[in-house]
Protein backbone atom coordinates (compact mmCIF):
# COMPACT_ATOMS: atom_id res chain seq x y z
CA MET A 1 0.00 0.00 0.00
CA ASN A 2 1.42 3.39 -0.88
CA VAL A 3 1.59 6.33 1.50
CA TYR A 4 -0.78 8.44 -0.60
CA ALA A 5 -3.62 5.91 -0.47
CA THR A 6 -3.20 5.26 3.25
CA GLY A 7 -3.55 8.94 4.14
CA ARG A 8 -6.62 9.29 1.94
CA ARG A 9 -8.28 6.23 3.46
CA ARG A 10 -7.64 7.44 7.01
CA LEU A 11 -9.02 10.89 6.22
CA GLU A 12 -12.10 9.45 4.50
CA LYS A 13 -12.76 7.28 7.54
CA LYS A 14 -12.40 10.34 9.81
CA LEU A 15 -14.84 12.34 7.63
CA GLY A 16 -17.26 9.46 7.13
CA ARG A 17 -17.29 10.03 3.37
CA LYS A 18 -15.13 9.73 0.26
CA LEU A 19 -13.04 12.71 -0.79
CA ARG A 20 -14.72 14.63 -3.57
CA PRO A 21 -13.06 15.46 -6.88
CA GLY A 22 -10.73 18.39 -6.31
CA GLU A 23 -10.16 17.54 -2.62
CA GLU A 24 -6.84 16.26 -1.34
CA CYS A 25 -5.49 14.88 1.91
CA HIS A 26 -2.98 17.23 3.54
CA HIS A 27 -0.58 16.30 6.33
CA LYS A 28 -0.28 19.41 8.50
CA ASP A 29 3.24 18.54 9.64
CA HIS A 30 4.33 17.71 6.04
CA ASN A 31 5.21 14.15 7.13
CA PRO A 32 3.34 11.79 4.78
CA ARG A 33 3.83 8.88 7.19
CA ASN A 34 2.07 10.61 10.11
CA TYR A 35 -1.50 9.30 9.90
CA GLU A 36 -2.82 10.75 13.17
CA ASP A 37 -6.33 12.15 12.74
CA ARG A 38 -5.33 15.57 14.06
CA ASN A 39 -2.58 15.76 11.42
CA LEU A 40 -4.88 15.16 8.42
CA GLU A 41 -7.10 17.76 6.78
CA VAL A 42 -9.01 18.24 3.54
CA LEU A 43 -7.75 20.92 1.16
CA THR A 44 -8.60 21.79 -2.40
CA LYS A 45 -5.85 21.10 -4.94
CA GLU A 46 -5.05 24.81 -5.07
CA GLU A 47 -4.85 25.13 -1.26
CA HIS A 48 -2.72 22.00 -1.08
CA ASN A 49 -0.24 23.32 -3.65
CA ILE A 50 0.09 26.56 -1.69
CA GLU A 51 0.74 24.63 1.56
CA LEU A 52 3.33 22.40 -0.11
CA PHE A 53 5.11 25.45 -1.53
CA LYS A 54 5.18 27.07 1.92
CA GLY A 55 6.75 23.93 3.37
CA ARG A 56 9.43 23.83 0.70
CA ASN A 57 10.07 27.53 1.12
CA ARG A 58 10.61 27.07 4.89
CA LEU A 59 12.96 24.16 4.22
CA CYS A 60 14.99 26.22 1.73
CA LYS A 61 15.28 29.10 4.22
CA TYR A 62 16.42 26.66 6.93
CA ARG A 63 19.05 25.12 4.64
CA ARG A 64 20.37 28.56 3.58
CA LYS A 65 20.59 29.63 7.21
CA ARG A 66 22.57 26.50 8.13
CA GLU A 67 24.91 26.97 5.15
CA ASN A 68 25.58 30.58 6.19
CA GLU A 69 26.43 29.47 9.74
CA LYS A 70 29.25 27.20 8.50
């Protein structure tokens, strides 16, 4: 079973319904292996892309900061 399907199934069980077209499962902590109910939320594809970009942007800032400290 892949990580993507597991997160979706857990979220659908939490909601009591299937995800609708255009809805995606988002892991709030950006860890796709964290399936805790409080970590999963429904976002539209657009909202999900924005959240993923924010996470990458934070990671890039963190890496730049660490490189500058060396």
